[in-house]
Amino acid sequence: MLKRYHLIWLFVSLLALAACSEGEDPIIEPTPSTPTEPSNPSNPSDPSNPSEPSDPSTPTGALCAVMHITTQDGAPIDSRDYYVPCQIKIEGQGIYEDYATPEPTALPSDGNNESGKVKTDSIRGRGNSTWLWYDKKPYKIKLGKNASLLGIPKGEKYVLLANYRDPTRQMNAVAFDMARYVGLPFTNTNRFVEVYLNDKYIGLYQLTEQIERGKGRVEIDKERGLLLSLDFDDGPTEAPEATDNFLSKIFHSSYSPGGLPVCVKYPKNPSPEQLSAIRDEFAQLEQVIKDKDYERLKQICDVRSMMDFLIIQELTRNVELVTPRSMYLYRDADGLWTFGPVWDFDGGFAYDWAEHHGYFGSQSWLMGPRGAYDIPDFFDRMFDCEPFLSDYKARFREVGKPMVAYALQEMTLRLDSLSDAIARDEGHWPISVHCSTECSRLSSWLNLRTERYSDLLKSW
């Protein structure tokens, strides 16, 4: 396996040099270290965080599952609000169990399939910019009953990420693997499937869990748990008619000067009284951070999760931290706030907002004394607290480089198994760059960024 890995590294290094000669952003290729198994990943035998399958005897390109989605009467999926009844069949290719459901039955007239009385699979659109701007659409699946798809922990809701803007198809997967290495709870699983919709090929998708409270998802207490998302699109500014959001009391962002936009993902449909109480409770966390009270913070927050969360955001240069968008945190019955799960990284990795598929250019920083962005103080105020900063530096020294090496090794193994599927996806959704070259650039860019961040923290 290691011999194959080094050959792949040699191959991608040559591709990176070729890319530079063609006028793309020059990336310095660091010497790759030999990847090792993570020293502290979440337990691979834990079903809440299944490990990725690896079978070196399987022929290259043969590990991608196939999903067939057949909507009732061939109905189009043209809404993010209403589900369409469907039948789902999955060919696990001998790596995972196959899956199939009966023919679909009609949904309630409101199309929401939320009552639980109608046991049929259904599908609708999802996402914000990815749904509105691109022809390759992302989807949300709701099964008629809880089931495990491709070894993912059993659940009712799954998402199909199109990853169209991401020319590597791997950015979310790399970030998930980074989170899995450091042990962030409830990190999403990485599975890839080739999807056929009503017998028409629509490309390679990433299948993963819907972030929600529940067994096999974010397993917080049903009565006392909270799951929040700091997200401008789901907040009061962009969703003023919603009854599950608010602006925080203390911190704000440049996009939301009235307060951080917070959407309550759990409990579902909170009452006005519940919403007010949640806002007050979140303000207690805000106040501790504003006061830079590290000892108090350790009493009400899983500080390691906060540090790991911020390390991942910085190393991936995820500018969604600015707005913010898709920044999750939760509180269980023990009262501790925990940051994560991490989500949505196609705006990271130095995305060039002027180019649909342009990445891996800038190495500017998000946070700290050299930060180039107006990050909400909620995320980076604690860096002004010397004991917190000292512990943060120590945590990065412990996990930064091995976390990246692990994630890039997993990416390399996935690319080996997905090569045929990627070629078909590129043929169906042609863009101006190629996956193999862009994955090489991702590796080079991320390794270089990790080295530079290590140097930055020494002088910080």
Protein backbone atom coordinates (compact mmCIF):
# COMPACT_ATOMS: atom_id res chain seq x y z
CA MET A 1 0.00 0.00 0.00
CA LEU A 2 2.79 2.43 0.89
CA LYS A 3 4.60 1.74 -2.37
CA ARG A 4 1.44 2.54 -4.28
CA TYR A 5 0.99 5.67 -2.22
CA HIS A 6 4.48 6.98 -3.03
CA LEU A 7 3.96 6.29 -6.72
CA ILE A 8 0.75 8.29 -6.59
CA TRP A 9 2.54 11.15 -4.84
CA LEU A 10 5.19 11.16 -7.58
CA PHE A 11 2.45 11.22 -10.19
CA VAL A 12 0.52 14.09 -8.61
CA SER A 13 3.74 16.06 -8.07
CA LEU A 14 4.48 15.87 -11.79
CA LEU A 15 0.94 17.00 -12.50
CA ALA A 16 1.39 19.98 -10.21
CA LEU A 17 4.55 21.01 -12.05
CA ALA A 18 2.75 20.66 -15.35
CA ALA A 19 -0.07 22.84 -14.07
CA CYS A 20 2.38 25.58 -13.14
CA SER A 21 3.94 25.47 -16.60
CA GLU A 22 0.52 26.05 -18.11
CA GLY A 23 0.15 29.39 -16.33
CA GLU A 24 -1.90 28.27 -13.34
CA ASP A 25 -1.10 29.51 -9.84
CA PRO A 26 2.39 28.21 -8.99
CA ILE A 27 2.29 26.08 -5.88
CA ILE A 28 5.45 25.06 -4.04
CA GLU A 29 5.41 21.30 -3.66
CA PRO A 30 6.54 20.33 -0.15
CA THR A 31 8.15 16.99 0.45
CA PRO A 32 5.29 14.69 1.49
CA SER A 33 5.77 12.81 4.71
CA THR A 34 4.95 9.15 4.83
CA PRO A 35 1.36 8.96 6.02
CA THR A 36 0.64 7.03 9.15
CA GLU A 37 -2.51 5.80 10.80
CA PRO A 38 -3.96 8.54 13.00
CA SER A 39 -2.84 8.45 16.60
CA ASN A 40 -6.14 9.69 17.96
CA PRO A 41 -8.98 9.37 15.43
CA SER A 42 -12.49 8.61 16.51
CA ASN A 43 -12.76 4.88 17.11
CA PRO A 44 -13.01 3.20 13.68
CA SER A 45 -15.08 0.43 15.23
CA ASP A 46 -17.60 2.93 16.53
CA PRO A 47 -20.70 2.68 14.26
CA SER A 48 -21.38 6.40 14.73
CA ASN A 49 -18.17 7.13 12.83
CA PRO A 50 -17.53 4.25 10.43
CA SER A 51 -14.13 4.07 8.80
CA GLU A 52 -13.77 4.20 5.06
CA PRO A 53 -13.35 0.81 3.35
CA SER A 54 -9.95 0.02 1.91
CA ASP A 55 -9.37 -3.09 -0.17
CA PRO A 56 -6.10 -3.00 -2.16
CA SER A 57 -7.07 -6.16 -4.01
CA THR A 58 -10.05 -4.48 -5.64
CA PRO A 59 -9.37 -3.27 -9.21
CA THR A 60 -8.73 0.44 -9.57
CA GLY A 61 -11.88 2.42 -10.26
CA ALA A 62 -14.27 -0.32 -9.18
CA LEU A 63 -15.31 0.83 -5.71
CA CYS A 64 -18.03 3.36 -6.53
CA ALA A 65 -21.59 2.42 -5.64
CA VAL A 66 -24.47 3.19 -8.00
CA MET A 67 -27.77 4.77 -6.93
CA HIS A 68 -30.95 4.65 -9.03
CA ILE A 69 -33.68 7.15 -8.11
CA THR A 70 -37.04 6.76 -9.82
CA THR A 71 -39.62 9.40 -9.01
CA GLN A 72 -43.33 8.64 -9.10
CA ASP A 73 -44.62 9.10 -12.66
CA GLY A 74 -41.22 10.51 -13.61
CA ALA A 75 -41.96 13.75 -11.75
CA PRO A 76 -39.18 16.39 -11.83
CA ILE A 77 -37.37 17.46 -8.66
CA ASP A 78 -37.73 21.20 -8.95
CA SER A 79 -38.33 22.39 -5.39
CA ARG A 80 -36.43 22.70 -2.12
CA ASP A 81 -39.72 22.85 -0.22
CA TYR A 82 -41.67 19.79 -1.34
CA TYR A 83 -40.69 16.15 -1.48
CA VAL A 84 -41.35 13.97 -4.51
CA PRO A 85 -42.16 10.28 -3.86
CA CYS A 86 -39.50 8.01 -5.26
CA GLN A 87 -37.98 4.56 -5.27
CA ILE A 88 -34.30 4.19 -4.44
CA LYS A 89 -32.08 1.29 -5.41
CA ILE A 90 -28.39 1.10 -4.56
CA GLU A 91 -25.84 -1.31 -5.99
CA GLY A 92 -23.14 -1.66 -3.35
CA GLN A 93 -20.66 -3.25 -5.79
CA GLY A 94 -19.83 -5.95 -3.28
CA ILE A 95 -18.29 -3.42 -0.88
CA TYR A 96 -21.54 -2.32 0.73
CA GLU A 97 -24.93 -3.94 1.09
CA ASP A 98 -27.39 -3.32 -1.72
CA TYR A 99 -30.50 -1.32 -0.91
CA ALA A 100 -33.94 -1.20 -2.48
CA THR A 101 -37.37 0.08 -1.51
CA PRO A 102 -40.83 -0.70 -2.85
CA GLU A 103 -42.55 1.35 -5.51
CA PRO A 104 -43.40 4.83 -4.17
CA THR A 105 -46.79 5.74 -2.80
CA ALA A 106 -48.33 9.19 -2.85
CA LEU A 107 -47.32 11.75 -0.23
CA PRO A 108 -49.75 13.97 1.70
CA SER A 109 -51.15 16.88 -0.25
CA ASP A 110 -48.63 19.27 1.34
CA GLY A 111 -45.79 17.15 -0.06
CA ASN A 112 -43.83 17.20 3.17
CA ASN A 113 -43.95 13.57 4.36
CA GLU A 114 -43.40 14.86 7.91
CA SER A 115 -46.23 13.04 9.68
CA GLY A 116 -44.49 9.69 9.48
CA LYS A 117 -47.73 8.03 8.36
CA VAL A 118 -46.67 7.56 4.76
CA LYS A 119 -43.85 5.04 4.48
CA THR A 120 -42.22 5.85 1.16
CA ASP A 121 -38.87 7.25 0.12
CA SER A 122 -38.94 10.81 -1.14
CA ILE A 123 -36.53 13.43 -2.46
CA ARG A 124 -36.33 17.20 -2.85
CA GLY A 125 -33.77 19.83 -3.74
CA ARG A 126 -31.47 21.34 -1.12
CA GLY A 127 -28.75 23.96 -0.75
CA ASN A 128 -28.64 27.67 -1.38
CA SER A 129 -26.18 28.92 -4.03
CA THR A 130 -25.51 25.36 -5.18
CA TRP A 131 -29.20 24.89 -5.94
CA LEU A 132 -29.73 28.31 -7.51
CA TRP A 133 -26.58 28.75 -9.59
CA TYR A 134 -25.56 25.39 -11.01
CA ASP A 135 -27.11 22.83 -13.33
CA LYS A 136 -25.84 19.89 -11.28
CA LYS A 137 -28.22 20.02 -8.33
CA PRO A 138 -27.81 18.76 -4.75
CA TYR A 139 -30.65 16.77 -3.15
CA LYS A 140 -32.06 15.72 0.19
CA ILE A 141 -33.42 12.19 0.63
CA LYS A 142 -36.00 11.15 3.20
CA LEU A 143 -36.46 7.41 3.58
CA GLY A 144 -39.79 5.83 4.37
CA LYS A 145 -38.14 4.21 7.38
CA ASN A 146 -34.74 4.40 9.02
CA ALA A 147 -32.08 2.48 7.14
CA SER A 148 -28.33 2.35 6.69
CA LEU A 149 -27.16 3.35 3.22
CA LEU A 150 -23.65 2.23 2.24
CA GLY A 151 -22.66 1.55 5.82
CA ILE A 152 -23.61 5.02 7.06
CA PRO A 153 -25.27 4.86 10.50
CA LYS A 154 -28.96 4.10 10.19
CA GLY A 155 -31.14 7.16 9.76
CA GLU A 156 -34.04 8.66 7.90
CA LYS A 157 -32.48 11.64 6.12
CA TYR A 158 -29.46 11.76 3.82
CA VAL A 159 -28.03 14.34 1.45
CA LEU A 160 -26.50 14.05 -2.01
CA LEU A 161 -23.83 16.72 -2.41
CA ALA A 162 -23.24 17.64 -6.04
CA ASN A 163 -19.78 19.17 -5.40
CA TYR A 164 -20.08 20.85 -8.79
CA ARG A 165 -18.12 24.00 -7.91
CA ASP A 166 -15.37 21.88 -6.37
CA PRO A 167 -13.21 20.51 -9.20
CA THR A 168 -11.63 17.91 -6.88
CA ARG A 169 -14.99 16.56 -5.60
CA GLN A 170 -13.01 16.06 -2.37
CA MET A 171 -13.03 19.27 -0.34
CA ASN A 172 -15.87 18.35 1.97
CA ALA A 173 -14.49 14.83 2.30
CA VAL A 174 -11.01 16.11 3.20
CA ALA A 175 -12.45 18.43 5.86
CA PHE A 176 -14.61 15.61 7.25
CA ASP A 177 -11.54 13.38 7.49
CA MET A 178 -9.63 16.11 9.31
CA ALA A 179 -12.48 16.34 11.80
CA ARG A 180 -12.64 12.56 12.10
CA TYR A 181 -8.91 12.40 12.87
CA VAL A 182 -9.12 14.83 15.78
CA GLY A 183 -12.23 13.12 17.09
CA LEU A 184 -14.86 15.81 16.61
CA PRO A 185 -18.10 14.03 17.53
CA PHE A 186 -20.72 13.17 14.92
CA THR A 187 -18.45 13.90 11.97
CA ASN A 188 -20.11 13.11 8.64
CA THR A 189 -19.29 9.94 6.74
CA ASN A 190 -17.78 10.03 3.24
CA ARG A 191 -19.47 7.91 0.58
CA PHE A 192 -19.56 8.49 -3.16
CA VAL A 193 -22.18 7.22 -5.58
CA GLU A 194 -22.92 7.50 -9.27
CA VAL A 195 -26.53 8.59 -9.54
CA TYR A 196 -29.15 7.80 -12.17
CA LEU A 197 -32.36 9.84 -11.96
CA ASN A 198 -35.27 8.30 -13.84
CA ASP A 199 -32.75 6.16 -15.78
CA LYS A 200 -30.64 9.16 -16.79
CA TYR A 201 -27.08 9.50 -15.53
CA ILE A 202 -26.64 12.72 -13.52
CA GLY A 203 -23.11 12.27 -12.21
CA LEU A 204 -20.95 11.47 -9.21
CA TYR A 205 -22.36 12.57 -5.85
CA GLN A 206 -21.21 12.50 -2.25
CA LEU A 207 -23.72 10.72 -0.03
CA THR A 208 -23.65 11.66 3.64
CA GLU A 209 -25.80 12.23 6.70
CA GLN A 210 -28.21 15.09 7.16
CA ILE A 211 -27.00 17.09 10.17
CA GLU A 212 -29.86 16.72 12.64
CA ARG A 213 -30.56 15.44 16.12
CA GLY A 214 -31.11 11.70 16.26
CA LYS A 215 -29.54 8.31 16.72
CA GLY A 216 -26.69 7.90 14.26
CA ARG A 217 -26.69 11.64 13.68
CA VAL A 218 -26.09 14.30 16.36
CA GLU A 219 -26.99 12.17 19.37
CA ILE A 220 -27.93 14.78 21.94
CA ASP A 221 -30.59 14.48 24.60
CA LYS A 222 -34.12 14.57 23.21
CA GLU A 223 -35.47 16.75 26.01
CA ARG A 224 -32.57 19.04 26.88
CA GLY A 225 -30.35 19.04 23.79
CA LEU A 226 -29.80 22.03 21.48
CA LEU A 227 -28.44 22.03 17.93
CA LEU A 228 -27.74 25.43 16.39
CA SER A 229 -26.38 26.66 13.09
CA LEU A 230 -24.84 30.08 12.71
CA ASP A 231 -25.99 30.74 9.18
CA PHE A 232 -26.83 33.98 7.40
CA ASP A 233 -29.08 32.25 4.86
CA ASP A 234 -31.21 30.65 7.57
CA GLY A 235 -31.14 33.66 9.87
CA PRO A 236 -33.70 36.48 10.27
CA THR A 237 -32.23 38.61 7.46
CA GLU A 238 -32.66 36.07 4.68
CA ALA A 239 -35.47 34.04 6.26
CA PRO A 240 -37.58 36.63 8.13
CA GLU A 241 -40.72 34.48 7.92
CA ALA A 242 -39.08 31.57 9.77
CA THR A 243 -39.93 31.00 13.41
CA ASP A 244 -36.78 29.09 14.34
CA ASN A 245 -34.12 31.80 14.12
CA PHE A 246 -32.85 34.88 15.94
CA LEU A 247 -30.02 37.41 16.05
CA SER A 248 -27.63 36.87 18.93
CA LYS A 249 -27.38 39.44 21.70
CA ILE A 250 -23.67 40.22 21.91
CA PHE A 251 -21.60 39.47 18.83
CA HIS A 252 -22.31 40.34 15.20
CA SER A 253 -20.85 39.94 11.73
CA SER A 254 -20.23 42.46 8.99
CA TYR A 255 -23.07 40.80 7.06
CA SER A 256 -25.37 40.89 10.08
CA PRO A 257 -24.60 43.97 12.22
CA GLY A 258 -27.66 43.37 14.41
CA GLY A 259 -26.22 40.12 15.78
CA LEU A 260 -24.98 36.75 14.67
CA PRO A 261 -27.65 34.90 12.63
CA VAL A 262 -28.63 31.77 14.55
CA CYS A 263 -30.98 29.05 13.31
CA VAL A 264 -32.32 26.50 15.81
CA LYS A 265 -32.04 23.06 14.20
CA TYR A 266 -33.21 21.33 17.36
CA PRO A 267 -35.66 21.46 19.03
CA LYS A 268 -37.88 21.51 15.97
CA ASN A 269 -40.48 24.27 15.74
CA PRO A 270 -39.51 26.04 18.99
CA SER A 271 -42.15 28.17 20.65
CA PRO A 272 -41.49 31.91 21.06
CA GLU A 273 -40.73 31.23 24.73
CA GLN A 274 -38.26 28.46 23.85
CA LEU A 275 -36.62 30.66 21.22
CA SER A 276 -36.15 33.47 23.75
CA ALA A 277 -34.68 31.06 26.31
CA ILE A 278 -32.25 29.62 23.74
CA ARG A 279 -31.16 33.13 22.77
CA ASP A 280 -30.49 33.92 26.42
CA GLU A 281 -28.52 30.71 26.88
CA PHE A 282 -26.42 31.34 23.78
CA ALA A 283 -25.77 34.86 25.09
CA GLN A 284 -24.18 33.34 28.20
CA LEU A 285 -21.62 31.60 25.96
CA GLU A 286 -21.13 34.83 24.01
CA GLN A 287 -20.52 36.80 27.21
CA VAL A 288 -17.89 34.36 28.48
CA ILE A 289 -16.08 34.64 25.15
CA LYS A 290 -16.40 38.42 25.16
CA ASP A 291 -14.92 38.54 28.66
CA LYS A 292 -12.11 36.17 27.57
CA ASP A 293 -12.87 34.18 30.70
CA TYR A 294 -10.99 30.98 29.88
CA GLU A 295 -11.66 29.25 33.20
CA ARG A 296 -15.38 29.85 32.87
CA LEU A 297 -15.28 28.84 29.20
CA LYS A 298 -13.83 25.46 30.18
CA GLN A 299 -16.80 24.97 32.49
CA ILE A 300 -19.48 25.54 29.85
CA CYS A 301 -17.75 24.55 26.60
CA ASP A 302 -15.79 21.60 25.24
CA VAL A 303 -12.75 23.78 24.54
CA ARG A 304 -10.92 21.10 22.60
CA SER A 305 -13.80 20.93 20.10
CA MET A 306 -13.63 24.71 19.73
CA MET A 307 -9.89 24.61 19.03
CA ASP A 308 -10.17 21.70 16.59
CA PHE A 309 -13.07 23.40 14.84
CA LEU A 310 -11.09 26.62 14.39
CA ILE A 311 -7.93 24.81 13.27
CA ILE A 312 -9.92 23.09 10.51
CA GLN A 313 -11.57 26.36 9.42
CA GLU A 314 -8.19 28.10 9.25
CA LEU A 315 -6.27 25.34 7.49
CA THR A 316 -9.00 25.02 4.85
CA ARG A 317 -9.29 28.83 4.68
CA ASN A 318 -13.04 28.51 4.88
CA VAL A 319 -14.25 32.08 4.41
CA GLU A 320 -17.81 30.99 5.24
CA LEU A 321 -16.65 31.78 8.79
CA VAL A 322 -17.02 35.48 7.91
CA THR A 323 -20.72 35.58 7.09
CA PRO A 324 -21.14 33.07 8.87
CA ARG A 325 -22.71 30.09 7.10
CA SER A 326 -23.06 26.43 8.14
CA MET A 327 -21.24 26.84 11.46
CA TYR A 328 -22.78 24.25 13.78
CA LEU A 329 -22.57 23.83 17.53
CA TYR A 330 -24.67 21.93 20.02
CA ARG A 331 -25.31 21.47 23.71
CA ASP A 332 -26.15 18.13 25.30
CA ALA A 333 -27.81 17.42 28.64
CA ASP A 334 -24.45 17.91 30.39
CA GLY A 335 -24.66 21.62 29.57
CA LEU A 336 -21.40 21.75 27.61
CA TRP A 337 -21.37 23.59 24.30
CA THR A 338 -19.53 21.63 21.60
CA PHE A 339 -18.42 23.02 18.24
CA GLY A 340 -19.31 21.03 15.11
CA PRO A 341 -20.10 19.02 13.11
CA VAL A 342 -18.07 20.76 10.39
CA TRP A 343 -19.91 21.35 7.13
CA ASP A 344 -19.70 23.07 3.73
CA PHE A 345 -16.19 23.70 2.43
CA ASP A 346 -16.62 24.54 -1.26
CA GLY A 347 -16.10 28.19 -0.29
CA GLY A 348 -12.79 27.25 1.33
CA PHE A 349 -9.40 26.24 -0.06
CA ALA A 350 -8.77 29.77 -1.38
CA TYR A 351 -11.84 29.82 -3.60
CA ASP A 352 -11.69 32.56 -6.22
CA TRP A 353 -15.18 34.05 -6.21
CA ALA A 354 -14.59 35.47 -9.70
CA GLU A 355 -14.01 31.96 -11.10
CA HIS A 356 -16.56 29.16 -10.77
CA HIS A 357 -13.90 26.48 -10.31
CA GLY A 358 -10.84 28.47 -9.23
CA TYR A 359 -9.08 27.41 -6.02
CA PHE A 360 -5.68 27.09 -4.33
CA GLY A 361 -4.33 30.59 -4.86
CA SER A 362 -4.22 32.83 -1.79
CA GLN A 363 -2.58 31.73 1.44
CA SER A 364 -3.91 34.66 3.48
CA TRP A 365 -5.12 33.99 7.01
CA LEU A 366 -8.60 34.24 8.44
CA MET A 367 -7.93 34.86 12.13
CA GLY A 368 -5.28 36.33 14.38
CA PRO A 369 -2.91 39.30 14.05
CA ARG A 370 -2.40 38.70 10.32
CA GLY A 371 -6.00 37.81 9.56
CA ALA A 372 -7.23 39.35 6.32
CA TYR A 373 -10.95 38.99 7.06
CA ASP A 374 -13.49 40.53 9.42
CA ILE A 375 -14.14 37.34 11.35
CA PRO A 376 -16.89 37.67 13.97
CA ASP A 377 -15.33 38.09 17.40
CA PHE A 378 -17.33 35.09 18.58
CA PHE A 379 -14.81 32.88 16.78
CA ASP A 380 -11.48 34.62 17.37
CA ARG A 381 -11.76 36.80 20.48
CA MET A 382 -10.31 34.03 22.67
CA PHE A 383 -7.01 34.34 20.80
CA ASP A 384 -6.51 37.54 22.85
CA CYS A 385 -6.46 35.34 25.96
CA GLU A 386 -2.87 34.14 26.45
CA PRO A 387 -3.71 30.84 28.25
CA PHE A 388 -6.20 29.91 25.53
CA LEU A 389 -3.72 30.83 22.79
CA SER A 390 -1.00 28.78 24.47
CA ASP A 391 -3.27 25.72 24.61
CA TYR A 392 -4.39 26.31 21.03
CA LYS A 393 -0.77 26.33 19.84
CA ALA A 394 -0.11 23.13 21.74
CA ARG A 395 -3.16 21.48 20.20
CA PHE A 396 -2.04 22.44 16.71
CA ARG A 397 1.44 21.05 17.34
CA GLU A 398 -0.20 17.80 18.41
CA VAL A 399 -2.67 17.31 15.58
CA GLY A 400 -2.07 19.80 12.76
CA LYS A 401 0.38 18.00 10.49
CA PRO A 402 -0.72 14.40 11.19
CA MET A 403 -4.36 15.42 10.69
CA VAL A 404 -3.58 16.81 7.25
CA ALA A 405 -1.41 13.83 6.31
CA TYR A 406 -4.23 11.46 7.28
CA ALA A 407 -6.86 13.40 5.32
CA LEU A 408 -4.68 13.56 2.20
CA GLN A 409 -3.90 9.87 2.42
CA GLU A 410 -7.62 9.10 2.57
CA MET A 411 -8.19 11.38 -0.43
CA THR A 412 -5.51 9.56 -2.42
CA LEU A 413 -7.06 6.17 -1.69
CA ARG A 414 -10.52 7.46 -2.64
CA LEU A 415 -9.24 8.85 -5.92
CA ASP A 416 -7.77 5.46 -6.74
CA SER A 417 -11.14 3.82 -6.28
CA LEU A 418 -13.17 6.59 -7.96
CA SER A 419 -11.08 7.17 -11.08
CA ASP A 420 -13.57 5.62 -13.52
CA ALA A 421 -16.52 7.39 -11.90
CA ILE A 422 -14.71 10.73 -11.93
CA ALA A 423 -13.96 10.33 -15.63
CA ARG A 424 -17.65 9.74 -16.34
CA ASP A 425 -18.64 12.72 -14.20
CA GLU A 426 -16.15 14.96 -15.99
CA GLY A 427 -17.54 13.81 -19.31
CA HIS A 428 -21.10 14.60 -18.22
CA TRP A 429 -20.31 17.89 -16.45
CA PRO A 430 -17.24 19.25 -18.29
CA ILE A 431 -15.42 22.19 -16.71
CA SER A 432 -12.19 24.01 -17.55
CA VAL A 433 -9.95 22.04 -15.17
CA HIS A 434 -9.40 18.36 -14.41
CA CYS A 435 -9.84 16.51 -11.15
CA SER A 436 -6.41 14.85 -11.09
CA THR A 437 -4.58 18.16 -11.51
CA GLU A 438 -6.78 19.95 -8.99
CA CYS A 439 -6.36 17.21 -6.37
CA SER A 440 -2.61 17.56 -6.77
CA ARG A 441 -2.95 21.30 -6.26
CA LEU A 442 -5.15 20.75 -3.21
CA SER A 443 -2.50 18.51 -1.64
CA SER A 444 0.31 20.96 -2.37
CA TRP A 445 -1.67 23.97 -1.18
CA LEU A 446 -2.82 22.33 2.05
CA ASN A 447 0.62 20.97 2.93
CA LEU A 448 2.18 24.36 2.34
CA ARG A 449 -0.53 26.10 4.34
CA THR A 450 -0.02 23.75 7.26
CA GLU A 451 3.73 24.44 7.28
CA ARG A 452 3.16 28.18 7.12
CA TYR A 453 0.55 28.09 9.88
CA SER A 454 3.01 26.26 12.09
CA ASP A 455 5.51 29.06 11.52
CA LEU A 456 2.86 31.72 12.05
CA LEU A 457 1.83 30.34 15.43
CA LYS A 458 5.44 30.33 16.63
CA SER A 459 5.58 34.09 16.10
CA TRP A 460 2.04 34.84 17.26
